[in-house]
Amino acid sequence: MLIKSLQDLCGSLEEKDLKLNYFGEVSKKICGEDLKKGRVLSILIQNTLFGESGLSVEELFEISETGMSKVRSSLKELEEKENLYITKDGRKKLYDVNLDAMSKLDLQDGTLT
């Protein structure tokens, strides 16, 4: 039983690693040369795949070591392109990536298919 559980865990991690690599490439198309926005999106992708709940603006600010205004503007741009899920914890907004929307992005030219 323990071996089966470990095999399942390894399979799940391998699948998530493939998704992380795929969405990393999509992220590059979305963010282009904007490295700070790319850092924020990369953190959100990792959290969506491996975390349990969304991240707040403050958490993204701390983790990304990016200025608060840049974090907010990046989130606004991503939200406008429907690349985010936003939930609330009290008055605090929590952000996750909409992986379905991102998977519809054409990697060749960066447009939605």
N, C-alpha and C. Protein backbone atom coordinates (compact mmCIF):
# COMPACT_ATOMS: atom_id res chain seq x y z
N MET A 1 0.83 -1.19 0.00
CA MET A 1 0.00 0.00 0.00
C MET A 1 0.87 1.25 0.00
N LEU A 2 1.95 1.25 0.76
CA LEU A 2 2.85 2.40 0.82
C LEU A 2 3.53 2.63 -0.53
N ILE A 3 3.93 1.54 -1.19
CA ILE A 3 4.58 1.65 -2.49
C ILE A 3 3.62 2.25 -3.51
N LYS A 4 2.38 1.81 -3.49
CA LYS A 4 1.36 2.34 -4.42
C LYS A 4 1.17 3.84 -4.19
N SER A 5 1.11 4.26 -2.94
CA SER A 5 0.95 5.68 -2.63
C SER A 5 2.13 6.50 -3.13
N LEU A 6 3.33 5.98 -2.96
CA LEU A 6 4.53 6.68 -3.44
C LEU A 6 4.56 6.75 -4.96
N GLN A 7 4.13 5.69 -5.62
CA GLN A 7 4.07 5.69 -7.08
C GLN A 7 3.07 6.73 -7.57
N ASP A 8 1.92 6.80 -6.92
CA ASP A 8 0.90 7.79 -7.28
C ASP A 8 1.43 9.21 -7.07
N LEU A 9 2.12 9.42 -5.96
CA LEU A 9 2.70 10.74 -5.67
C LEU A 9 3.73 11.12 -6.73
N CYS A 10 4.59 10.19 -7.09
CA CYS A 10 5.60 10.45 -8.13
C CYS A 10 4.94 10.78 -9.47
N GLY A 11 3.91 10.04 -9.81
CA GLY A 11 3.18 10.30 -11.05
C GLY A 11 2.55 11.68 -11.05
N SER A 12 1.96 12.05 -9.93
CA SER A 12 1.35 13.37 -9.81
C SER A 12 2.38 14.48 -9.93
N LEU A 13 3.53 14.30 -9.28
CA LEU A 13 4.59 15.31 -9.36
C LEU A 13 5.16 15.43 -10.77
N GLU A 14 5.31 14.31 -11.45
CA GLU A 14 5.81 14.35 -12.83
C GLU A 14 4.84 15.11 -13.73
N GLU A 15 3.54 14.86 -13.54
CA GLU A 15 2.52 15.55 -14.33
C GLU A 15 2.56 17.06 -14.06
N LYS A 16 2.67 17.42 -12.80
CA LYS A 16 2.72 18.84 -12.45
C LYS A 16 3.99 19.50 -12.95
N ASP A 17 5.09 18.76 -12.98
CA ASP A 17 6.34 19.30 -13.52
C ASP A 17 6.20 19.60 -15.01
N LEU A 18 5.56 18.70 -15.74
CA LEU A 18 5.31 18.94 -17.17
C LEU A 18 4.45 20.18 -17.37
N LYS A 19 3.41 20.31 -16.55
CA LYS A 19 2.54 21.48 -16.64
C LYS A 19 3.31 22.75 -16.29
N LEU A 20 4.16 22.69 -15.29
CA LEU A 20 4.96 23.85 -14.90
C LEU A 20 5.84 24.30 -16.06
N ASN A 21 6.48 23.37 -16.73
CA ASN A 21 7.32 23.70 -17.88
C ASN A 21 6.49 24.29 -19.02
N TYR A 22 5.34 23.68 -19.30
CA TYR A 22 4.47 24.17 -20.37
C TYR A 22 3.99 25.59 -20.07
N PHE A 23 3.46 25.79 -18.87
CA PHE A 23 2.93 27.11 -18.55
C PHE A 23 4.04 28.15 -18.37
N GLY A 24 5.25 27.70 -18.10
CA GLY A 24 6.39 28.61 -18.09
C GLY A 24 6.63 29.19 -19.47
N GLU A 25 6.49 28.35 -20.50
CA GLU A 25 6.63 28.82 -21.88
C GLU A 25 5.49 29.76 -22.26
N VAL A 26 4.28 29.43 -21.84
CA VAL A 26 3.14 30.31 -22.11
C VAL A 26 3.36 31.65 -21.42
N SER A 27 3.86 31.61 -20.21
CA SER A 27 4.12 32.83 -19.44
C SER A 27 5.09 33.75 -20.18
N LYS A 28 6.11 33.18 -20.80
CA LYS A 28 7.07 33.99 -21.56
C LYS A 28 6.38 34.72 -22.70
N LYS A 29 5.42 34.07 -23.35
CA LYS A 29 4.68 34.71 -24.44
C LYS A 29 3.79 35.83 -23.92
N ILE A 30 3.17 35.60 -22.78
CA ILE A 30 2.27 36.60 -22.22
C ILE A 30 3.05 37.83 -21.76
N CYS A 31 4.18 37.62 -21.12
CA CYS A 31 4.91 38.72 -20.48
C CYS A 31 5.97 39.35 -21.37
N GLY A 32 6.41 38.65 -22.37
CA GLY A 32 7.44 39.20 -23.26
C GLY A 32 8.69 39.59 -22.49
N GLU A 33 9.12 40.83 -22.66
CA GLU A 33 10.35 41.32 -22.04
C GLU A 33 10.14 41.85 -20.62
N ASP A 34 8.91 41.86 -20.15
CA ASP A 34 8.61 42.39 -18.81
C ASP A 34 8.96 41.34 -17.76
N LEU A 35 10.20 41.38 -17.28
CA LEU A 35 10.69 40.35 -16.36
C LEU A 35 9.98 40.37 -15.01
N LYS A 36 9.60 41.54 -14.53
CA LYS A 36 8.92 41.61 -13.23
C LYS A 36 7.53 41.02 -13.32
N LYS A 37 6.82 41.32 -14.39
CA LYS A 37 5.50 40.72 -14.60
C LYS A 37 5.66 39.21 -14.76
N GLY A 38 6.70 38.79 -15.47
CA GLY A 38 6.98 37.36 -15.63
C GLY A 38 7.24 36.67 -14.31
N ARG A 39 7.95 37.35 -13.41
CA ARG A 39 8.23 36.79 -12.09
C ARG A 39 6.93 36.61 -11.31
N VAL A 40 6.06 37.61 -11.35
CA VAL A 40 4.77 37.52 -10.65
C VAL A 40 3.95 36.37 -11.22
N LEU A 41 3.86 36.29 -12.54
CA LEU A 41 3.08 35.23 -13.17
C LEU A 41 3.68 33.85 -12.88
N SER A 42 4.98 33.75 -12.88
CA SER A 42 5.64 32.47 -12.57
C SER A 42 5.30 32.00 -11.16
N ILE A 43 5.32 32.91 -10.22
CA ILE A 43 4.97 32.57 -8.84
C ILE A 43 3.52 32.12 -8.76
N LEU A 44 2.64 32.82 -9.46
CA LEU A 44 1.22 32.45 -9.46
C LEU A 44 1.01 31.06 -10.09
N ILE A 45 1.73 30.77 -11.16
CA ILE A 45 1.61 29.46 -11.80
C ILE A 45 2.05 28.36 -10.83
N GLN A 46 3.19 28.56 -10.19
CA GLN A 46 3.68 27.56 -9.23
C GLN A 46 2.69 27.36 -8.09
N ASN A 47 2.14 28.46 -7.61
CA ASN A 47 1.19 28.36 -6.50
C ASN A 47 -0.09 27.66 -6.94
N THR A 48 -0.55 27.94 -8.16
CA THR A 48 -1.77 27.29 -8.65
C THR A 48 -1.56 25.79 -8.78
N LEU A 49 -0.39 25.38 -9.27
CA LEU A 49 -0.12 23.95 -9.45
C LEU A 49 0.17 23.22 -8.15
N PHE A 50 0.88 23.87 -7.23
CA PHE A 50 1.36 23.17 -6.04
C PHE A 50 0.77 23.67 -4.72
N GLY A 51 0.11 24.82 -4.73
CA GLY A 51 -0.42 25.39 -3.50
C GLY A 51 -1.85 24.98 -3.24
N GLU A 52 -2.38 25.47 -2.15
CA GLU A 52 -3.75 25.11 -1.77
C GLU A 52 -4.72 26.26 -1.90
N SER A 53 -4.23 27.50 -1.84
CA SER A 53 -5.12 28.66 -1.99
C SER A 53 -4.35 29.76 -2.71
N GLY A 54 -5.10 30.77 -3.16
CA GLY A 54 -4.49 31.86 -3.89
C GLY A 54 -3.55 32.69 -3.04
N LEU A 55 -2.84 33.61 -3.70
CA LEU A 55 -1.91 34.50 -3.03
C LEU A 55 -2.45 35.93 -3.05
N SER A 56 -2.21 36.65 -1.97
CA SER A 56 -2.63 38.05 -1.89
C SER A 56 -1.57 38.94 -2.53
N VAL A 57 -1.93 40.19 -2.76
CA VAL A 57 -0.98 41.17 -3.30
C VAL A 57 0.24 41.26 -2.38
N GLU A 58 0.00 41.30 -1.09
CA GLU A 58 1.10 41.41 -0.12
C GLU A 58 2.04 40.21 -0.19
N GLU A 59 1.47 39.02 -0.32
CA GLU A 59 2.30 37.81 -0.42
C GLU A 59 3.12 37.82 -1.71
N LEU A 60 2.49 38.23 -2.81
CA LEU A 60 3.22 38.31 -4.08
C LEU A 60 4.34 39.35 -4.00
N PHE A 61 4.07 40.45 -3.34
CA PHE A 61 5.07 41.50 -3.13
C PHE A 61 6.29 40.94 -2.40
N GLU A 62 6.04 40.21 -1.32
CA GLU A 62 7.13 39.65 -0.52
C GLU A 62 7.90 38.56 -1.27
N ILE A 63 7.18 37.67 -1.91
CA ILE A 63 7.82 36.53 -2.58
C ILE A 63 8.59 36.98 -3.82
N SER A 64 8.00 37.86 -4.60
CA SER A 64 8.60 38.24 -5.88
C SER A 64 9.70 39.28 -5.76
N GLU A 65 9.76 39.95 -4.61
CA GLU A 65 10.71 41.04 -4.42
C GLU A 65 10.56 42.08 -5.53
N THR A 66 9.30 42.31 -5.90
CA THR A 66 8.93 43.30 -6.91
C THR A 66 8.12 44.37 -6.20
N GLY A 67 8.21 45.60 -6.66
CA GLY A 67 7.49 46.69 -6.03
C GLY A 67 5.99 46.46 -6.00
N MET A 68 5.35 47.00 -4.98
CA MET A 68 3.91 46.81 -4.80
C MET A 68 3.13 47.33 -6.01
N SER A 69 3.50 48.49 -6.54
CA SER A 69 2.76 49.04 -7.67
C SER A 69 2.92 48.15 -8.91
N LYS A 70 4.10 47.56 -9.10
CA LYS A 70 4.31 46.66 -10.24
C LYS A 70 3.52 45.37 -10.07
N VAL A 71 3.45 44.86 -8.85
CA VAL A 71 2.63 43.67 -8.59
C VAL A 71 1.18 43.97 -8.94
N ARG A 72 0.68 45.10 -8.45
CA ARG A 72 -0.72 45.47 -8.72
C ARG A 72 -0.98 45.67 -10.21
N SER A 73 -0.08 46.36 -10.90
CA SER A 73 -0.30 46.59 -12.34
C SER A 73 -0.21 45.28 -13.12
N SER A 74 0.67 44.40 -12.73
CA SER A 74 0.78 43.09 -13.39
C SER A 74 -0.50 42.29 -13.20
N LEU A 75 -1.02 42.29 -11.98
CA LEU A 75 -2.26 41.57 -11.70
C LEU A 75 -3.42 42.16 -12.51
N LYS A 76 -3.46 43.48 -12.61
CA LYS A 76 -4.53 44.13 -13.38
C LYS A 76 -4.46 43.72 -14.84
N GLU A 77 -3.27 43.73 -15.43
CA GLU A 77 -3.11 43.32 -16.83
C GLU A 77 -3.51 41.86 -17.03
N LEU A 78 -3.09 41.00 -16.13
CA LEU A 78 -3.43 39.58 -16.23
C LEU A 78 -4.93 39.35 -16.05
N GLU A 79 -5.53 40.13 -15.16
CA GLU A 79 -6.98 40.02 -14.94
C GLU A 79 -7.74 40.47 -16.19
N GLU A 80 -7.28 41.55 -16.83
CA GLU A 80 -7.95 42.04 -18.03
C GLU A 80 -7.91 41.02 -19.16
N LYS A 81 -6.88 40.21 -19.19
CA LYS A 81 -6.75 39.17 -20.22
C LYS A 81 -7.38 37.85 -19.78
N GLU A 82 -8.08 37.89 -18.65
CA GLU A 82 -8.80 36.73 -18.10
C GLU A 82 -7.87 35.56 -17.80
N ASN A 83 -6.65 35.88 -17.35
CA ASN A 83 -5.69 34.84 -16.99
C ASN A 83 -5.67 34.55 -15.50
N LEU A 84 -6.56 35.17 -14.73
CA LEU A 84 -6.56 34.99 -13.28
C LEU A 84 -7.92 34.55 -12.77
N TYR A 85 -7.88 33.79 -11.69
CA TYR A 85 -9.05 33.53 -10.85
C TYR A 85 -8.86 34.39 -9.61
N ILE A 86 -9.91 35.07 -9.20
CA ILE A 86 -9.82 35.89 -8.01
C ILE A 86 -10.88 35.43 -7.02
N THR A 87 -10.43 35.09 -5.82
CA THR A 87 -11.34 34.73 -4.74
C THR A 87 -11.11 35.72 -3.60
N LYS A 88 -11.96 35.67 -2.61
CA LYS A 88 -11.81 36.57 -1.47
C LYS A 88 -11.72 35.79 -0.18
N ASP A 89 -10.88 36.30 0.70
CA ASP A 89 -10.77 35.82 2.06
C ASP A 89 -11.04 37.03 2.93
N GLY A 90 -12.30 37.18 3.32
CA GLY A 90 -12.70 38.42 3.99
C GLY A 90 -12.67 39.55 2.99
N ARG A 91 -11.88 40.58 3.28
CA ARG A 91 -11.74 41.71 2.35
C ARG A 91 -10.54 41.54 1.43
N LYS A 92 -9.73 40.55 1.68
CA LYS A 92 -8.49 40.35 0.91
C LYS A 92 -8.76 39.52 -0.35
N LYS A 93 -8.26 40.00 -1.49
CA LYS A 93 -8.36 39.25 -2.73
C LYS A 93 -7.19 38.28 -2.82
N LEU A 94 -7.51 37.07 -3.28
CA LEU A 94 -6.49 36.03 -3.48
C LEU A 94 -6.46 35.67 -4.96
N TYR A 95 -5.26 35.58 -5.51
CA TYR A 95 -5.08 35.39 -6.95
C TYR A 95 -4.50 34.01 -7.26
N ASP A 96 -5.07 33.38 -8.28
CA ASP A 96 -4.58 32.14 -8.86
C ASP A 96 -4.62 32.29 -10.37
N VAL A 97 -3.90 31.45 -11.07
CA VAL A 97 -3.88 31.50 -12.53
C VAL A 97 -5.02 30.66 -13.10
N ASN A 98 -5.65 31.17 -14.14
CA ASN A 98 -6.66 30.42 -14.88
C ASN A 98 -5.91 29.59 -15.92
N LEU A 99 -5.55 28.38 -15.55
CA LEU A 99 -4.75 27.52 -16.42
C LEU A 99 -5.48 27.17 -17.71
N ASP A 100 -6.81 27.08 -17.66
CA ASP A 100 -7.58 26.78 -18.87
C ASP A 100 -7.41 27.90 -19.89
N ALA A 101 -7.53 29.15 -19.45
CA ALA A 101 -7.37 30.28 -20.36
C ALA A 101 -5.95 30.33 -20.91
N MET A 102 -4.97 30.09 -20.05
CA MET A 102 -3.58 30.13 -20.50
C MET A 102 -3.28 29.00 -21.48
N SER A 103 -3.92 27.86 -21.33
CA SER A 103 -3.64 26.74 -22.23
C SER A 103 -4.20 26.99 -23.62
N LYS A 104 -5.09 27.96 -23.76
CA LYS A 104 -5.66 28.29 -25.07
C LYS A 104 -4.82 29.31 -25.82
N LEU A 105 -3.74 29.75 -25.21
CA LEU A 105 -2.86 30.71 -25.86
C LEU A 105 -2.01 30.02 -26.91
N ASP A 106 -1.96 30.60 -28.08
CA ASP A 106 -1.14 30.06 -29.17
C ASP A 106 0.31 30.42 -28.89
N LEU A 107 1.15 29.42 -28.67
CA LEU A 107 2.55 29.67 -28.32
C LEU A 107 3.35 30.27 -29.47
N GLN A 108 2.85 30.16 -30.69
CA GLN A 108 3.60 30.71 -31.82
C GLN A 108 3.58 32.23 -31.83
N ASP A 109 2.40 32.81 -31.64
CA ASP A 109 2.33 34.28 -31.73
C ASP A 109 1.77 34.95 -30.49
N GLY A 110 1.46 34.18 -29.46
CA GLY A 110 1.01 34.77 -28.20
C GLY A 110 -0.43 35.22 -28.19
N THR A 111 -1.24 34.75 -29.15
CA THR A 111 -2.65 35.12 -29.18
C THR A 111 -3.50 33.95 -28.72
N LEU A 112 -4.71 34.27 -28.30
CA LEU A 112 -5.64 33.21 -27.89
C LEU A 112 -6.17 32.50 -29.11
N THR A 113 -6.32 31.17 -28.98
CA THR A 113 -6.86 30.39 -30.08
C THR A 113 -8.32 30.12 -29.87
